[in-house]
N, C-alpha and C. Protein backbone atom coordinates (compact mmCIF):
# COMPACT_ATOMS: atom_id res chain seq x y z
N MET A 1 -44.70 22.43 49.68
CA MET A 1 -44.14 21.72 49.46
C MET A 1 -45.09 20.29 48.68
N ASN A 2 -45.39 19.55 50.21
CA ASN A 2 -46.08 18.51 50.09
C ASN A 2 -47.11 18.25 49.05
N ASP A 3 -47.95 19.27 49.02
CA ASP A 3 -48.87 18.95 48.03
C ASP A 3 -48.41 19.25 46.90
N MET A 4 -47.29 19.47 46.32
CA MET A 4 -47.11 19.69 44.58
C MET A 4 -46.52 18.15 44.11
N GLN A 5 -47.12 17.82 43.24
CA GLN A 5 -46.98 16.78 42.57
C GLN A 5 -46.19 16.68 41.08
N GLU A 6 -45.50 15.72 40.84
CA GLU A 6 -44.69 16.22 39.72
C GLU A 6 -45.72 15.50 38.61
N GLU A 7 -45.70 16.47 37.60
CA GLU A 7 -45.92 16.51 36.30
C GLU A 7 -45.23 16.17 35.26
N PRO A 8 -45.74 15.43 34.25
CA PRO A 8 -44.47 15.10 33.45
C PRO A 8 -44.84 16.40 31.90
N VAL A 9 -43.59 17.00 31.62
CA VAL A 9 -43.86 18.34 30.69
C VAL A 9 -43.27 17.76 29.40
N SER A 10 -43.92 17.64 28.59
CA SER A 10 -43.19 17.61 27.11
C SER A 10 -42.84 18.88 26.24
N LYS A 11 -41.56 19.00 25.72
CA LYS A 11 -41.36 20.50 24.76
C LYS A 11 -40.99 19.87 23.62
N ILE A 12 -41.50 20.53 22.74
CA ILE A 12 -41.04 19.74 21.18
C ILE A 12 -40.71 20.83 20.65
N LEU A 13 -39.31 21.23 19.94
CA LEU A 13 -38.69 22.35 19.79
C LEU A 13 -38.65 21.84 18.26
N VAL A 14 -38.96 22.46 17.26
CA VAL A 14 -38.89 22.38 15.70
C VAL A 14 -37.98 23.02 15.14
N LYS A 15 -36.64 22.64 14.70
CA LYS A 15 -35.79 23.68 14.19
C LYS A 15 -35.90 23.69 12.24
N THR A 16 -36.24 24.60 11.72
CA THR A 16 -36.36 24.76 10.39
C THR A 16 -35.02 24.87 10.19
N PRO A 17 -34.81 24.43 8.74
CA PRO A 17 -33.86 24.41 8.18
C PRO A 17 -33.74 25.91 7.09
N LEU A 18 -32.20 26.82 7.41
CA LEU A 18 -32.13 28.25 7.04
C LEU A 18 -32.35 27.79 5.64
N CYS A 19 -33.11 28.52 4.88
CA CYS A 19 -33.57 28.04 3.15
C CYS A 19 -32.67 29.74 2.76
N LEU A 20 -31.75 29.44 1.55
CA LEU A 20 -30.91 30.95 1.02
C LEU A 20 -31.86 30.47 -0.44
N THR A 21 -32.34 31.76 -1.11
CA THR A 21 -32.51 31.38 -2.74
C THR A 21 -31.90 32.65 -3.31
N ALA A 22 -31.90 32.63 -4.31
CA ALA A 22 -30.62 33.54 -5.08
C ALA A 22 -31.53 34.52 -4.82
N ARG A 23 -33.06 35.03 -4.92
CA ARG A 23 -33.05 36.26 -4.62
C ARG A 23 -32.94 37.10 -3.31
N SER A 24 -33.32 35.97 -2.38
CA SER A 24 -32.42 36.45 -1.02
C SER A 24 -31.09 37.07 -1.10
N VAL A 25 -30.21 36.64 -1.59
CA VAL A 25 -28.89 36.82 -1.67
C VAL A 25 -28.81 37.80 -2.34
N ILE A 26 -29.05 38.07 -4.21
CA ILE A 26 -28.50 38.89 -4.79
C ILE A 26 -29.52 39.98 -4.83
N PRO A 27 -29.54 40.75 -4.74
CA PRO A 27 -30.48 42.27 -4.70
C PRO A 27 -31.17 42.03 -6.29
N SER A 28 -31.91 42.82 -6.64
CA SER A 28 -32.62 42.84 -7.70
C SER A 28 -31.93 44.07 -8.54
N ALA A 29 -31.09 44.53 -7.97
CA ALA A 29 -30.07 45.78 -8.84
C ALA A 29 -29.21 45.10 -9.43
N VAL A 30 -29.02 44.22 -9.07
CA VAL A 30 -27.27 43.67 -9.28
C VAL A 30 -28.00 42.57 -10.67
N HIS A 31 -27.56 42.39 -11.98
CA HIS A 31 -27.43 41.92 -13.20
C HIS A 31 -26.28 41.08 -12.98
N ALA A 32 -26.80 40.06 -14.05
CA ALA A 32 -26.07 38.91 -13.98
C ALA A 32 -25.04 39.27 -14.50
N ARG A 33 -24.93 40.09 -15.74
CA ARG A 33 -23.35 40.14 -16.42
C ARG A 33 -22.72 41.00 -15.94
N ASP A 34 -23.23 41.61 -14.49
CA ASP A 34 -21.99 42.46 -13.67
C ASP A 34 -21.90 41.67 -12.82
N LEU A 35 -22.30 40.73 -12.36
CA LEU A 35 -21.35 39.64 -11.08
C LEU A 35 -20.04 39.26 -11.48
N ASP A 36 -19.22 39.31 -10.53
CA ASP A 36 -17.49 39.14 -10.78
C ASP A 36 -17.75 37.63 -9.62
N LEU A 37 -17.50 36.64 -10.83
CA LEU A 37 -17.27 35.36 -10.17
C LEU A 37 -16.09 34.75 -10.48
N THR A 38 -15.18 35.43 -10.87
CA THR A 38 -13.91 34.71 -10.40
C THR A 38 -13.37 34.20 -9.27
N TRP A 39 -13.67 34.50 -8.28
CA TRP A 39 -13.41 33.79 -6.58
C TRP A 39 -13.98 32.89 -6.93
N LEU A 40 -15.10 32.31 -7.72
CA LEU A 40 -15.44 31.23 -7.43
C LEU A 40 -14.49 30.10 -8.88
N ASN A 41 -14.41 30.81 -9.71
CA ASN A 41 -13.51 30.03 -10.34
C ASN A 41 -12.21 29.70 -9.89
N LYS A 42 -11.54 30.20 -8.82
CA LYS A 42 -10.32 29.84 -8.50
C LYS A 42 -10.32 28.88 -7.08
N ILE A 43 -11.61 29.10 -6.86
CA ILE A 43 -12.37 28.03 -5.83
C ILE A 43 -12.28 26.35 -6.68
N ASN A 44 -13.02 26.45 -7.31
CA ASN A 44 -13.03 25.20 -8.54
C ASN A 44 -11.55 25.05 -9.02
N PHE A 45 -10.82 25.63 -9.24
CA PHE A 45 -9.42 25.34 -9.56
C PHE A 45 -8.56 25.06 -8.46
N LYS A 46 -9.08 25.13 -7.36
CA LYS A 46 -8.24 24.81 -6.48
C LYS A 46 -8.52 23.39 -6.13
N LEU A 47 -9.44 23.23 -5.98
CA LEU A 47 -10.02 22.01 -5.86
C LEU A 47 -9.79 20.88 -6.82
N ALA A 48 -9.93 21.23 -7.83
CA ALA A 48 -9.44 20.61 -9.28
C ALA A 48 -7.61 19.95 -9.10
N SER A 49 -7.00 21.14 -8.82
CA SER A 49 -5.56 21.27 -8.86
C SER A 49 -5.22 20.10 -7.62
N THR A 50 -6.08 20.25 -6.37
CA THR A 50 -5.61 19.25 -5.46
C THR A 50 -5.56 17.69 -5.89
N GLU A 51 -7.19 18.00 -6.51
CA GLU A 51 -7.44 15.97 -6.63
C GLU A 51 -6.44 16.10 -8.02
N LEU A 52 -5.94 16.58 -9.05
CA LEU A 52 -4.83 16.54 -9.73
C LEU A 52 -3.91 15.76 -9.18
N GLU A 53 -3.46 16.69 -8.18
CA GLU A 53 -1.82 16.54 -7.69
C GLU A 53 -2.32 14.72 -7.07
N LEU A 54 -3.45 14.43 -6.46
CA LEU A 54 -3.60 13.79 -5.67
C LEU A 54 -3.49 12.37 -6.67
N MET A 55 -4.23 12.86 -8.19
CA MET A 55 -3.95 11.51 -9.32
C MET A 55 -2.49 11.47 -9.60
N GLN A 56 -1.85 12.16 -9.52
CA GLN A 56 -0.31 12.38 -9.97
C GLN A 56 0.11 11.64 -8.97
N ARG A 57 -0.02 12.03 -8.02
CA ARG A 57 1.01 11.51 -6.68
C ARG A 57 0.27 9.81 -6.92
N ASN A 58 -0.74 9.29 -6.71
CA ASN A 58 -1.28 7.88 -6.79
C ASN A 58 -0.24 7.10 -8.09
N THR A 59 -0.32 7.68 -8.86
CA THR A 59 -0.07 7.64 -10.48
C THR A 59 1.76 6.89 -10.50
N LEU A 60 2.31 8.23 -9.87
CA LEU A 60 3.55 8.23 -9.02
C LEU A 60 3.57 6.62 -8.15
N LEU A 61 2.94 6.95 -7.21
CA LEU A 61 2.84 5.63 -6.22
C LEU A 61 2.58 4.10 -6.68
N GLU A 62 1.84 4.28 -7.98
CA GLU A 62 1.67 2.70 -8.79
C GLU A 62 2.86 2.76 -9.20
N ARG A 63 3.48 3.72 -9.89
CA ARG A 63 4.48 2.85 -10.90
C ARG A 63 5.92 2.59 -9.85
N GLU A 64 5.74 3.13 -9.01
CA GLU A 64 7.02 2.41 -7.94
C GLU A 64 6.51 1.20 -7.46
N ASN A 65 5.30 1.19 -6.92
CA ASN A 65 4.75 -0.10 -6.19
C ASN A 65 5.18 -1.09 -7.39
N LYS A 66 4.80 -1.04 -8.33
CA LYS A 66 5.15 -2.16 -9.69
C LYS A 66 6.65 -2.35 -10.12
N GLN A 67 7.11 -1.93 -10.07
CA GLN A 67 8.69 -1.35 -10.13
C GLN A 67 9.49 -2.51 -8.90
N LEU A 68 8.74 -1.54 -7.85
CA LEU A 68 9.41 -2.50 -6.50
C LEU A 68 8.71 -4.02 -6.53
N LYS A 69 7.33 -4.43 -7.22
CA LYS A 69 7.00 -5.40 -7.13
C LYS A 69 8.28 -6.45 -8.29
N LYS A 70 8.29 -5.90 -9.42
CA LYS A 70 9.34 -6.24 -9.86
C LYS A 70 10.59 -6.72 -9.60
N GLU A 71 11.13 -5.68 -8.82
CA GLU A 71 12.25 -6.14 -8.28
C GLU A 71 12.22 -7.37 -6.97
N LEU A 72 11.57 -6.96 -6.58
CA LEU A 72 11.28 -8.42 -5.37
C LEU A 72 11.09 -9.60 -6.55
N LEU A 73 9.93 -9.93 -7.31
CA LEU A 73 10.47 -10.97 -8.25
C LEU A 73 11.66 -11.36 -8.75
N GLU A 74 12.17 -10.29 -8.77
CA GLU A 74 13.87 -10.70 -9.77
C GLU A 74 14.52 -11.26 -8.97
N GLN A 75 14.62 -10.46 -7.09
CA GLN A 75 15.21 -11.21 -6.44
C GLN A 75 14.91 -12.38 -6.05
N LYS A 76 13.58 -12.46 -5.71
CA LYS A 76 13.06 -14.06 -5.60
C LYS A 76 13.51 -15.06 -6.72
N LEU A 77 13.64 -14.66 -8.04
CA LEU A 77 14.13 -15.72 -8.87
C LEU A 77 15.80 -15.78 -8.96
N LEU A 78 16.40 -14.93 -8.52
CA LEU A 78 17.88 -14.85 -8.38
C LEU A 78 18.00 -16.00 -6.44
N LEU A 79 17.20 -15.88 -5.83
CA LEU A 79 17.55 -16.54 -4.73
C LEU A 79 17.29 -17.74 -4.56
N LEU A 80 16.01 -18.40 -5.74
CA LEU A 80 15.87 -19.55 -6.15
C LEU A 80 16.95 -19.95 -6.96
N GLU A 81 17.59 -19.46 -7.49
CA GLU A 81 18.74 -19.87 -8.63
C GLU A 81 19.92 -20.12 -7.99
N TYR A 82 20.10 -19.09 -6.61
CA TYR A 82 21.36 -19.75 -5.68
C TYR A 82 20.90 -20.97 -4.92
N LYS A 83 20.19 -21.02 -4.29
CA LYS A 83 19.56 -21.84 -3.63
C LYS A 83 19.45 -23.49 -4.61
N THR A 84 19.09 -23.40 -5.72
CA THR A 84 19.41 -24.37 -6.55
C THR A 84 20.84 -24.89 -6.75
N SER A 85 21.94 -23.97 -6.95
CA SER A 85 22.85 -24.46 -7.49
C SER A 85 23.73 -24.56 -6.10
N THR A 86 23.47 -23.95 -5.33
CA THR A 86 24.21 -24.46 -4.10
C THR A 86 23.91 -25.56 -3.48
N GLU A 87 22.63 -26.08 -3.89
CA GLU A 87 22.27 -27.38 -3.43
C GLU A 87 22.93 -28.50 -4.36
N ALA A 88 22.79 -28.43 -5.16
CA ALA A 88 23.48 -29.02 -6.44
C ALA A 88 24.91 -28.88 -6.09
N LYS A 89 25.77 -28.13 -5.95
CA LYS A 89 26.89 -28.22 -5.76
C LYS A 89 27.52 -29.17 -4.02
N LEU A 90 26.45 -28.71 -3.32
CA LEU A 90 26.58 -29.53 -1.59
C LEU A 90 26.65 -30.96 -2.18
N GLU A 91 25.42 -31.49 -2.87
CA GLU A 91 25.15 -33.08 -3.51
C GLU A 91 26.40 -33.17 -4.27
N GLU A 92 27.44 -32.58 -4.95
CA GLU A 92 28.57 -32.62 -5.56
C GLU A 92 28.95 -33.46 -4.87
N ALA A 93 29.44 -32.17 -4.02
CA ALA A 93 30.60 -32.49 -2.73
C ALA A 93 30.63 -33.57 -1.97
N ARG A 94 29.16 -33.92 -1.25
CA ARG A 94 28.76 -34.91 -0.85
C ARG A 94 28.94 -36.43 -1.57
N ILE A 95 28.62 -36.44 -2.79
CA ILE A 95 29.27 -37.41 -3.64
C ILE A 95 30.72 -37.81 -3.79
N ARG A 96 31.74 -36.61 -3.86
CA ARG A 96 32.95 -36.43 -3.99
C ARG A 96 33.54 -37.08 -2.34
N GLU A 97 32.70 -36.80 -1.57
CA GLU A 97 33.35 -37.09 -0.09
C GLU A 97 33.44 -38.77 0.14
N GLU A 98 32.19 -39.22 -0.35
CA GLU A 98 32.17 -40.45 -0.08
C GLU A 98 32.73 -41.16 -0.92
N ASN A 99 33.33 -40.70 -2.28
CA ASN A 99 33.94 -41.18 -3.30
C ASN A 99 35.51 -41.76 -2.59
N LEU A 100 35.59 -40.72 -2.39
CA LEU A 100 37.01 -40.27 -1.40
C LEU A 100 37.07 -41.09 0.05
N ILE A 101 35.89 -41.19 0.49
CA ILE A 101 36.25 -42.34 1.90
C ILE A 101 36.39 -43.71 1.31
N ARG A 102 35.59 -44.33 0.12
CA ARG A 102 35.70 -45.31 -0.36
C ARG A 102 37.06 -45.68 -0.84
N SER A 103 37.64 -45.00 -1.42
CA SER A 103 39.01 -45.34 -2.14
C SER A 103 39.91 -45.07 -1.16
N ASN A 104 39.61 -44.37 0.31
CA ASN A 104 40.56 -44.54 1.25
C ASN A 104 40.66 -45.76 2.00
N GLU A 105 39.27 -46.16 1.94
CA GLU A 105 39.12 -47.30 2.61
C GLU A 105 39.67 -48.68 2.16
N ASP A 106 39.47 -48.44 0.47
CA ASP A 106 40.15 -49.17 0.15
C ASP A 106 41.20 -49.46 -0.23
N PHE A 107 42.05 -48.32 -0.15
CA PHE A 107 43.75 -48.11 -0.08
C PHE A 107 44.05 -48.88 1.47
N ASN A 108 43.33 -48.43 2.39
CA ASN A 108 43.89 -48.93 3.56
C ASN A 108 43.48 -50.54 3.58
N LYS A 109 42.46 -51.30 3.06
CA LYS A 109 42.30 -52.66 3.28
C LYS A 109 43.50 -53.13 1.91
N GLU A 110 44.16 -52.60 1.34
CA GLU A 110 44.53 -52.88 0.08
C GLU A 110 46.14 -52.92 0.90
N MET A 111 46.61 -51.58 1.51
CA MET A 111 48.13 -51.55 2.17
C MET A 111 47.94 -52.90 3.20
N LYS A 112 46.83 -52.98 4.06
CA LYS A 112 47.09 -54.29 5.05
C LYS A 112 47.15 -55.75 4.75
N GLN A 113 46.96 -55.87 2.99
CA GLN A 113 46.59 -57.25 2.57
C GLN A 113 48.50 -57.02 1.78
N GLN A 114 48.96 -56.05 1.55
CA GLN A 114 50.26 -56.09 1.16
C GLN A 114 50.64 -56.37 2.49
N ALA A 115 50.93 -55.97 3.06
CA ALA A 115 51.75 -55.87 4.43
C ALA A 115 51.66 -56.85 5.60
N GLU A 116 50.74 -58.15 5.17
CA GLU A 116 50.23 -59.27 5.45
C GLU A 116 51.42 -60.43 4.68
């Protein structure tokens, strides 16, 4: 055991890709007109139909998104109008209150003058 030395070992494994050609799959006795490729059409149609469904769903979602954005903008406009009218009414009420306070003070002064 003591006389053994460690030697580096390198292993190179090369994997070759599997290649199928038409000749390896289709026997020479089969002619192209005898092939039944209806299954291939079904697969293609299924893929196309799912893609079509996704496109239609995407279109519907885009329409819904546009509609929701439109409604949101309308709500924002209504909110802005409400805020504006509310602020105007509050300012009007504040001015009316100030006028009432002034007229009350004037009335009190007038009553004091008449009492004297």
